[in-house]
């Protein structure tokens, strides 16, 4: 029945699952090219796998957020130190 089909389509457009799926992951598009002192960093979170480029969002005590490249040595050390704390 056409009415049922239209209702299902509308439900899928406004359902929480559909809304959650439509919300983009946190991605990095611009990366800083300088290290942040480890004692200024409070968190470091990897970006999602659906992002166009891998990245890490670093939050400082200020709080400020910066995108950094995960393959940088200083970023690897920060990520490792935050895991062990």
PDB file of N, CA and C in Angstrom:
ATOM      1  N   UNK A   1       0.847  -1.169   0.000  1.00  0.00           N
ATOM      2  CA  UNK A   1       0.000   0.000   0.000  1.00  0.00           C
ATOM      3  C   UNK A   1       0.895   1.236   0.000  1.00  0.00           C
ATOM      4  N   UNK A   2       0.533   2.214  -0.787  1.00  0.00           N
ATOM      5  CA  UNK A   2       1.350   3.408  -0.994  1.00  0.00           C
ATOM      6  C   UNK A   2       1.469   4.234   0.282  1.00  0.00           C
ATOM      7  N   UNK A   3       0.398   4.348   1.046  1.00  0.00           N
ATOM      8  CA  UNK A   3       0.418   5.130   2.284  1.00  0.00           C
ATOM      9  C   UNK A   3       1.421   4.546   3.270  1.00  0.00           C
ATOM     10  N   UNK A   4       1.447   3.237   3.400  1.00  0.00           N
ATOM     11  CA  UNK A   4       2.394   2.569   4.298  1.00  0.00           C
ATOM     12  C   UNK A   4       3.828   2.854   3.849  1.00  0.00           C
ATOM     13  N   UNK A   5       4.080   2.748   2.558  1.00  0.00           N
ATOM     14  CA  UNK A   5       5.412   2.989   2.015  1.00  0.00           C
ATOM     15  C   UNK A   5       5.873   4.419   2.311  1.00  0.00           C
ATOM     16  N   UNK A   6       4.982   5.388   2.127  1.00  0.00           N
ATOM     17  CA  UNK A   6       5.317   6.790   2.398  1.00  0.00           C
ATOM     18  C   UNK A   6       5.610   6.990   3.883  1.00  0.00           C
ATOM     19  N   UNK A   7       4.820   6.358   4.751  1.00  0.00           N
ATOM     20  CA  UNK A   7       5.052   6.468   6.202  1.00  0.00           C
ATOM     21  C   UNK A   7       6.407   5.890   6.582  1.00  0.00           C
ATOM     22  N   UNK A   8       6.763   4.751   6.004  1.00  0.00           N
ATOM     23  CA  UNK A   8       8.062   4.131   6.291  1.00  0.00           C
ATOM     24  C   UNK A   8       9.186   5.049   5.819  1.00  0.00           C
ATOM     25  N   UNK A   9       9.044   5.633   4.667  1.00  0.00           N
ATOM     26  CA  UNK A   9      10.072   6.551   4.152  1.00  0.00           C
ATOM     27  C   UNK A   9      10.239   7.765   5.060  1.00  0.00           C
ATOM     28  N   UNK A  10       9.142   8.340   5.491  1.00  0.00           N
ATOM     29  CA  UNK A  10       9.201   9.502   6.388  1.00  0.00           C
ATOM     30  C   UNK A  10       9.827   9.111   7.719  1.00  0.00           C
ATOM     31  N   UNK A  11       9.462   7.954   8.255  1.00  0.00           N
ATOM     32  CA  UNK A  11      10.041   7.496   9.520  1.00  0.00           C
ATOM     33  C   UNK A  11      11.553   7.353   9.385  1.00  0.00           C
ATOM     34  N   UNK A  12      12.005   6.770   8.286  1.00  0.00           N
ATOM     35  CA  UNK A  12      13.440   6.587   8.085  1.00  0.00           C
ATOM     36  C   UNK A  12      14.172   7.917   7.966  1.00  0.00           C
ATOM     37  N   UNK A  13      13.506   8.918   7.461  1.00  0.00           N
ATOM     38  CA  UNK A  13      14.134  10.235   7.346  1.00  0.00           C
ATOM     39  C   UNK A  13      14.297  10.934   8.688  1.00  0.00           C
ATOM     40  N   UNK A  14      13.364  10.691   9.618  1.00  0.00           N
ATOM     41  CA  UNK A  14      13.404  11.420  10.889  1.00  0.00           C
ATOM     42  C   UNK A  14      13.756  10.551  12.087  1.00  0.00           C
ATOM     43  N   UNK A  15      13.997   9.269  11.883  1.00  0.00           N
ATOM     44  CA  UNK A  15      14.302   8.394  13.017  1.00  0.00           C
ATOM     45  C   UNK A  15      15.675   8.738  13.584  1.00  0.00           C
ATOM     46  N   UNK A  16      15.887   8.502  14.888  1.00  0.00           N
ATOM     47  CA  UNK A  16      17.190   8.800  15.499  1.00  0.00           C
ATOM     48  C   UNK A  16      18.333   8.057  14.826  1.00  0.00           C
ATOM     49  N   UNK A  17      18.083   6.832  14.384  1.00  0.00           N
ATOM     50  CA  UNK A  17      19.128   6.057  13.723  1.00  0.00           C
ATOM     51  C   UNK A  17      19.546   6.741  12.430  1.00  0.00           C
ATOM     52  N   UNK A  18      18.573   7.189  11.672  1.00  0.00           N
ATOM     53  CA  UNK A  18      18.890   7.874  10.420  1.00  0.00           C
ATOM     54  C   UNK A  18      19.624   9.177  10.693  1.00  0.00           C
ATOM     55  N   UNK A  19      19.221   9.895  11.730  1.00  0.00           N
ATOM     56  CA  UNK A  19      19.882  11.151  12.079  1.00  0.00           C
ATOM     57  C   UNK A  19      21.308  10.880  12.528  1.00  0.00           C
ATOM     58  N   UNK A  20      21.512   9.860  13.359  1.00  0.00           N
ATOM     59  CA  UNK A  20      22.855   9.530  13.838  1.00  0.00           C
ATOM     60  C   UNK A  20      23.759   9.135  12.682  1.00  0.00           C
ATOM     61  N   UNK A  21      23.214   8.402  11.726  1.00  0.00           N
ATOM     62  CA  UNK A  21      24.017   7.979  10.588  1.00  0.00           C
ATOM     63  C   UNK A  21      24.391   9.168   9.711  1.00  0.00           C
ATOM     64  N   UNK A  22      23.565  10.205   9.715  1.00  0.00           N
ATOM     65  CA  UNK A  22      23.819  11.367   8.873  1.00  0.00           C
ATOM     66  C   UNK A  22      24.827  12.328   9.495  1.00  0.00           C
ATOM     67  N   UNK A  23      25.072  12.222  10.799  1.00  0.00           N
ATOM     68  CA  UNK A  23      26.018  13.108  11.476  1.00  0.00           C
ATOM     69  C   UNK A  23      27.432  12.676  11.101  1.00  0.00           C
ATOM     70  N   UNK A  24      28.226  13.574  10.548  1.00  0.00           N
ATOM     71  CA  UNK A  24      29.576  13.184  10.135  1.00  0.00           C
ATOM     72  C   UNK A  24      30.479  12.929  11.332  1.00  0.00           C
ATOM     73  N   UNK A  25      31.465  12.084  11.105  1.00  0.00           N
ATOM     74  CA  UNK A  25      32.462  11.837  12.142  1.00  0.00           C
ATOM     75  C   UNK A  25      33.334  13.080  12.272  1.00  0.00           C
ATOM     76  N   UNK A  26      34.030  13.146  13.378  1.00  0.00           N
ATOM     77  CA  UNK A  26      34.974  14.252  13.570  1.00  0.00           C
ATOM     78  C   UNK A  26      36.203  13.946  12.706  1.00  0.00           C
ATOM     79  N   UNK A  27      36.492  14.820  11.781  1.00  0.00           N
ATOM     80  CA  UNK A  27      37.602  14.626  10.852  1.00  0.00           C
ATOM     81  C   UNK A  27      38.539  15.832  10.883  1.00  0.00           C
ATOM     82  N   UNK A  28      39.764  15.599  10.481  1.00  0.00           N
ATOM     83  CA  UNK A  28      40.758  16.661  10.365  1.00  0.00           C
ATOM     84  C   UNK A  28      41.002  16.957   8.891  1.00  0.00           C
ATOM     85  N   UNK A  29      41.023  18.235   8.555  1.00  0.00           N
ATOM     86  CA  UNK A  29      41.298  18.644   7.185  1.00  0.00           C
ATOM     87  C   UNK A  29      42.553  19.505   7.099  1.00  0.00           C
ATOM     88  N   UNK A  30      42.896  20.154   8.190  1.00  0.00           N
ATOM     89  CA  UNK A  30      44.111  20.966   8.271  1.00  0.00           C
ATOM     90  C   UNK A  30      44.901  20.511   9.486  1.00  0.00           C
ATOM     91  N   UNK A  31      46.205  20.334   9.288  1.00  0.00           N
ATOM     92  CA  UNK A  31      47.056  19.817  10.356  1.00  0.00           C
ATOM     93  C   UNK A  31      48.119  20.843  10.719  1.00  0.00           C
ATOM     94  N   UNK A  32      48.392  20.962  12.024  1.00  0.00           N
ATOM     95  CA  UNK A  32      49.475  21.850  12.448  1.00  0.00           C
ATOM     96  C   UNK A  32      50.802  21.161  12.150  1.00  0.00           C
ATOM     97  N   UNK A  33      51.846  21.941  11.983  1.00  0.00           N
ATOM     98  CA  UNK A  33      53.153  21.369  11.643  1.00  0.00           C
ATOM     99  C   UNK A  33      54.195  21.634  12.729  1.00  0.00           C
ATOM    100  N   UNK A  34      53.715  21.752  13.970  1.00  0.00           N
ATOM    101  CA  UNK A  34      54.633  21.956  15.090  1.00  0.00           C
ATOM    102  C   UNK A  34      54.159  21.097  16.261  1.00  0.00           C
ATOM    103  N   UNK A  35      55.095  20.623  17.082  1.00  0.00           N
ATOM    104  CA  UNK A  35      54.704  19.805  18.237  1.00  0.00           C
ATOM    105  C   UNK A  35      54.112  20.652  19.359  1.00  0.00           C
ATOM    106  N   UNK A  36      53.226  20.035  20.107  1.00  0.00           N
ATOM    107  CA  UNK A  36      52.634  20.665  21.289  1.00  0.00           C
ATOM    108  C   UNK A  36      53.295  20.021  22.504  1.00  0.00           C
ATOM    109  N   UNK A  37      53.758  20.806  23.470  1.00  0.00           N
ATOM    110  CA  UNK A  37      54.378  20.217  24.661  1.00  0.00           C
ATOM    111  C   UNK A  37      53.423  19.239  25.349  1.00  0.00           C
ATOM    112  N   UNK A  38      53.937  18.076  25.689  1.00  0.00           N
ATOM    113  CA  UNK A  38      53.117  17.005  26.268  1.00  0.00           C
ATOM    114  C   UNK A  38      52.407  17.443  27.544  1.00  0.00           C
ATOM    115  N   UNK A  39      53.038  18.308  28.336  1.00  0.00           N
ATOM    116  CA  UNK A  39      52.414  18.730  29.595  1.00  0.00           C
ATOM    117  C   UNK A  39      51.224  19.669  29.382  1.00  0.00           C
ATOM    118  N   UNK A  40      51.024  20.141  28.158  1.00  0.00           N
ATOM    119  CA  UNK A  40      49.884  21.012  27.834  1.00  0.00           C
ATOM    120  C   UNK A  40      48.686  20.221  27.302  1.00  0.00           C
ATOM    121  N   UNK A  41      48.889  18.924  26.997  1.00  0.00           N
ATOM    122  CA  UNK A  41      47.852  18.109  26.357  1.00  0.00           C
ATOM    123  C   UNK A  41      47.032  17.360  27.402  1.00  0.00           C
ATOM    124  N   UNK A  42      45.702  17.458  27.278  1.00  0.00           N
ATOM    125  CA  UNK A  42      44.810  16.738  28.198  1.00  0.00           C
ATOM    126  C   UNK A  42      44.144  15.537  27.532  1.00  0.00           C
ATOM    127  N   UNK A  43      44.017  15.559  26.199  1.00  0.00           N
ATOM    128  CA  UNK A  43      43.460  14.396  25.507  1.00  0.00           C
ATOM    129  C   UNK A  43      43.919  14.378  24.058  1.00  0.00           C
ATOM    130  N   UNK A  44      43.880  13.182  23.490  1.00  0.00           N
ATOM    131  CA  UNK A  44      44.224  12.987  22.083  1.00  0.00           C
ATOM    132  C   UNK A  44      43.338  11.865  21.558  1.00  0.00           C
ATOM    133  N   UNK A  45      42.488  12.191  20.591  1.00  0.00           N
ATOM    134  CA  UNK A  45      41.538  11.220  20.060  1.00  0.00           C
ATOM    135  C   UNK A  45      41.743  11.035  18.567  1.00  0.00           C
ATOM    136  N   UNK A  46      41.830   9.771  18.151  1.00  0.00           N
ATOM    137  CA  UNK A  46      41.959   9.471  16.727  1.00  0.00           C
ATOM    138  C   UNK A  46      40.657   9.801  16.013  1.00  0.00           C
ATOM    139  N   UNK A  47      40.787  10.279  14.791  1.00  0.00           N
ATOM    140  CA  UNK A  47      39.601  10.551  13.987  1.00  0.00           C
ATOM    141  C   UNK A  47      39.038   9.233  13.467  1.00  0.00           C
ATOM    142  N   UNK A  48      37.805   9.287  12.985  1.00  0.00           N
ATOM    143  CA  UNK A  48      37.120   8.091  12.524  1.00  0.00           C
ATOM    144  C   UNK A  48      37.681   7.534  11.228  1.00  0.00           C
ATOM    145  N   UNK A  49      37.374   6.281  10.991  1.00  0.00           N
ATOM    146  CA  UNK A  49      37.884   5.589   9.805  1.00  0.00           C
ATOM    147  C   UNK A  49      37.246   6.087   8.511  1.00  0.00           C
ATOM    148  N   UNK A  50      36.127   6.786   8.607  1.00  0.00           N
ATOM    149  CA  UNK A  50      35.459   7.291   7.405  1.00  0.00           C
ATOM    150  C   UNK A  50      35.990   8.659   6.979  1.00  0.00           C
ATOM    151  N   UNK A  51      36.911   9.202   7.737  1.00  0.00           N
ATOM    152  CA  UNK A  51      37.492  10.502   7.393  1.00  0.00           C
ATOM    153  C   UNK A  51      38.418  10.351   6.188  1.00  0.00           C
ATOM    154  N   UNK A  52      38.567  11.407   5.398  1.00  0.00           N
ATOM    155  CA  UNK A  52      39.412  11.315   4.209  1.00  0.00           C
ATOM    156  C   UNK A  52      40.899  11.136   4.518  1.00  0.00           C
ATOM    157  N   UNK A  53      41.342  11.608   5.668  1.00  0.00           N
ATOM    158  CA  UNK A  53      42.747  11.461   6.058  1.00  0.00           C
ATOM    159  C   UNK A  53      42.804  11.112   7.539  1.00  0.00           C
ATOM    160  N   UNK A  54      43.731  10.216   7.924  1.00  0.00           N
ATOM    161  CA  UNK A  54      43.855   9.904   9.347  1.00  0.00           C
ATOM    162  C   UNK A  54      44.363  11.122  10.112  1.00  0.00           C
ATOM    163  N   UNK A  55      43.891  11.259  11.337  1.00  0.00           N
ATOM    164  CA  UNK A  55      44.315  12.380  12.158  1.00  0.00           C
ATOM    165  C   UNK A  55      44.080  12.109  13.627  1.00  0.00           C
ATOM    166  N   UNK A  56      44.607  12.981  14.454  1.00  0.00           N
ATOM    167  CA  UNK A  56      44.405  12.931  15.899  1.00  0.00           C
ATOM    168  C   UNK A  56      44.004  14.337  16.330  1.00  0.00           C
ATOM    169  N   UNK A  57      42.917  14.421  17.091  1.00  0.00           N
ATOM    170  CA  UNK A  57      42.482  15.711  17.628  1.00  0.00           C
ATOM    171  C   UNK A  57      43.065  15.830  19.032  1.00  0.00           C
ATOM    172  N   UNK A  58      43.972  16.771  19.194  1.00  0.00           N
ATOM    173  CA  UNK A  58      44.651  16.993  20.468  1.00  0.00           C
ATOM    174  C   UNK A  58      43.982  18.179  21.161  1.00  0.00           C
ATOM    175  N   UNK A  59      43.607  17.984  22.424  1.00  0.00           N
ATOM    176  CA  UNK A  59      43.012  19.060  23.217  1.00  0.00           C
ATOM    177  C   UNK A  59      44.009  19.485  24.284  1.00  0.00           C
ATOM    178  N   UNK A  60      44.209  20.796  24.393  1.00  0.00           N
ATOM    179  CA  UNK A  60      45.141  21.330  25.389  1.00  0.00           C
ATOM    180  C   UNK A  60      44.377  21.827  26.612  1.00  0.00           C
ATOM    181  N   UNK A  61      45.122  22.237  27.616  1.00  0.00           N
ATOM    182  CA  UNK A  61      44.524  22.710  28.869  1.00  0.00           C
ATOM    183  C   UNK A  61      43.744  24.012  28.693  1.00  0.00           C
ATOM    184  N   UNK A  62      43.978  24.764  27.649  1.00  0.00           N
ATOM    185  CA  UNK A  62      43.381  26.101  27.472  1.00  0.00           C
ATOM    186  C   UNK A  62      41.852  26.147  27.532  1.00  0.00           C
ATOM    187  N   UNK A  63      40.990  25.386  26.954  1.00  0.00           N
ATOM    188  CA  UNK A  63      41.171  24.264  26.023  1.00  0.00           C
ATOM    189  C   UNK A  63      41.138  24.717  24.559  1.00  0.00           C
ATOM    190  N   UNK A  64      42.112  24.275  23.821  1.00  0.00           N
ATOM    191  CA  UNK A  64      42.167  24.481  22.379  1.00  0.00           C
ATOM    192  C   UNK A  64      42.305  23.117  21.730  1.00  0.00           C
ATOM    193  N   UNK A  65      41.783  22.979  20.524  1.00  0.00           N
ATOM    194  CA  UNK A  65      41.895  21.719  19.797  1.00  0.00           C
ATOM    195  C   UNK A  65      42.726  21.927  18.539  1.00  0.00           C
ATOM    196  N   UNK A  66      43.581  20.942  18.265  1.00  0.00           N
ATOM    197  CA  UNK A  66      44.435  20.971  17.088  1.00  0.00           C
ATOM    198  C   UNK A  66      44.382  19.613  16.411  1.00  0.00           C
ATOM    199  N   UNK A  67      44.445  19.616  15.102  1.00  0.00           N
ATOM    200  CA  UNK A  67      44.565  18.369  14.357  1.00  0.00           C
ATOM    201  C   UNK A  67      46.038  18.132  14.068  1.00  0.00           C
ATOM    202  N   UNK A  68      46.465  16.913  14.352  1.00  0.00           N
ATOM    203  CA  UNK A  68      47.860  16.542  14.126  1.00  0.00           C
ATOM    204  C   UNK A  68      47.909  15.221  13.368  1.00  0.00           C
ATOM    205  N   UNK A  69      49.036  14.973  12.731  1.00  0.00           N
ATOM    206  CA  UNK A  69      49.209  13.744  11.954  1.00  0.00           C
ATOM    207  C   UNK A  69      49.615  12.605  12.887  1.00  0.00           C
ATOM    208  N   UNK A  70      48.926  11.466  12.798  1.00  0.00           N
ATOM    209  CA  UNK A  70      49.196  10.362  13.720  1.00  0.00           C
ATOM    210  C   UNK A  70      50.549   9.689  13.526  1.00  0.00           C
ATOM    211  N   UNK A  71      51.203   9.915  12.394  1.00  0.00           N
ATOM    212  CA  UNK A  71      52.495   9.269  12.158  1.00  0.00           C
ATOM    213  C   UNK A  71      53.682  10.088  12.662  1.00  0.00           C
ATOM    214  N   UNK A  72      53.428  11.265  13.218  1.00  0.00           N
ATOM    215  CA  UNK A  72      54.501  12.074  13.807  1.00  0.00           C
ATOM    216  C   UNK A  72      54.980  11.398  15.095  1.00  0.00           C
ATOM    217  N   UNK A  73      56.282  11.377  15.309  1.00  0.00           N
ATOM    218  CA  UNK A  73      56.839  10.702  16.494  1.00  0.00           C
ATOM    219  C   UNK A  73      56.305  11.292  17.795  1.00  0.00           C
ATOM    220  N   UNK A  74      56.227  12.610  17.883  1.00  0.00           N
ATOM    221  CA  UNK A  74      55.758  13.232  19.129  1.00  0.00           C
ATOM    222  C   UNK A  74      54.305  12.878  19.402  1.00  0.00           C
ATOM    223  N   UNK A  75      53.504  12.705  18.349  1.00  0.00           N
ATOM    224  CA  UNK A  75      52.098  12.325  18.517  1.00  0.00           C
ATOM    225  C   UNK A  75      52.011  10.891  19.029  1.00  0.00           C
ATOM    226  N   UNK A  76      52.842  10.009  18.483  1.00  0.00           N
ATOM    227  CA  UNK A  76      52.865   8.609  18.946  1.00  0.00           C
ATOM    228  C   UNK A  76      53.214   8.544  20.429  1.00  0.00           C
ATOM    229  N   UNK A  77      54.184   9.350  20.856  1.00  0.00           N
ATOM    230  CA  UNK A  77      54.583   9.368  22.271  1.00  0.00           C
ATOM    231  C   UNK A  77      53.445   9.867  23.155  1.00  0.00           C
ATOM    232  N   UNK A  78      52.777  10.930  22.718  1.00  0.00           N
ATOM    233  CA  UNK A  78      51.649  11.473  23.484  1.00  0.00           C
ATOM    234  C   UNK A  78      50.545  10.433  23.604  1.00  0.00           C
ATOM    235  N   UNK A  79      50.206   9.783  22.493  1.00  0.00           N
ATOM    236  CA  UNK A  79      49.149   8.764  22.500  1.00  0.00           C
ATOM    237  C   UNK A  79      49.523   7.626  23.450  1.00  0.00           C
ATOM    238  N   UNK A  80      50.766   7.202  23.407  1.00  0.00           N
ATOM    239  CA  UNK A  80      51.230   6.120  24.276  1.00  0.00           C
ATOM    240  C   UNK A  80      51.197   6.546  25.738  1.00  0.00           C
ATOM    241  N   UNK A  81      51.635   7.762  26.044  1.00  0.00           N
ATOM    242  CA  UNK A  81      51.631   8.254  27.422  1.00  0.00           C
ATOM    243  C   UNK A  81      50.214   8.391  27.967  1.00  0.00           C
ATOM    244  N   UNK A  82      49.284   8.831  27.140  1.00  0.00           N
ATOM    245  CA  UNK A  82      47.899   8.975  27.592  1.00  0.00           C
ATOM    246  C   UNK A  82      47.254   7.616  27.856  1.00  0.00           C
ATOM    247  N   UNK A  83      47.678   6.584  27.134  1.00  0.00           N
ATOM    248  CA  UNK A  83      47.156   5.230  27.366  1.00  0.00           C
ATOM    249  C   UNK A  83      47.627   4.676  28.701  1.00  0.00           C
ATOM    250  N   UNK A  84      48.846   5.027  29.099  1.00  0.00           N
ATOM    251  CA  UNK A  84      49.421   4.451  30.315  1.00  0.00           C
ATOM    252  C   UNK A  84      49.048   5.217  31.575  1.00  0.00           C
ATOM    253  N   UNK A  85      48.430   6.370  31.425  1.00  0.00           N
ATOM    254  CA  UNK A  85      48.054   7.179  32.603  1.00  0.00           C
ATOM    255  C   UNK A  85      46.795   6.629  33.224  1.00  0.00           C
TER     256      UNK A  85
END
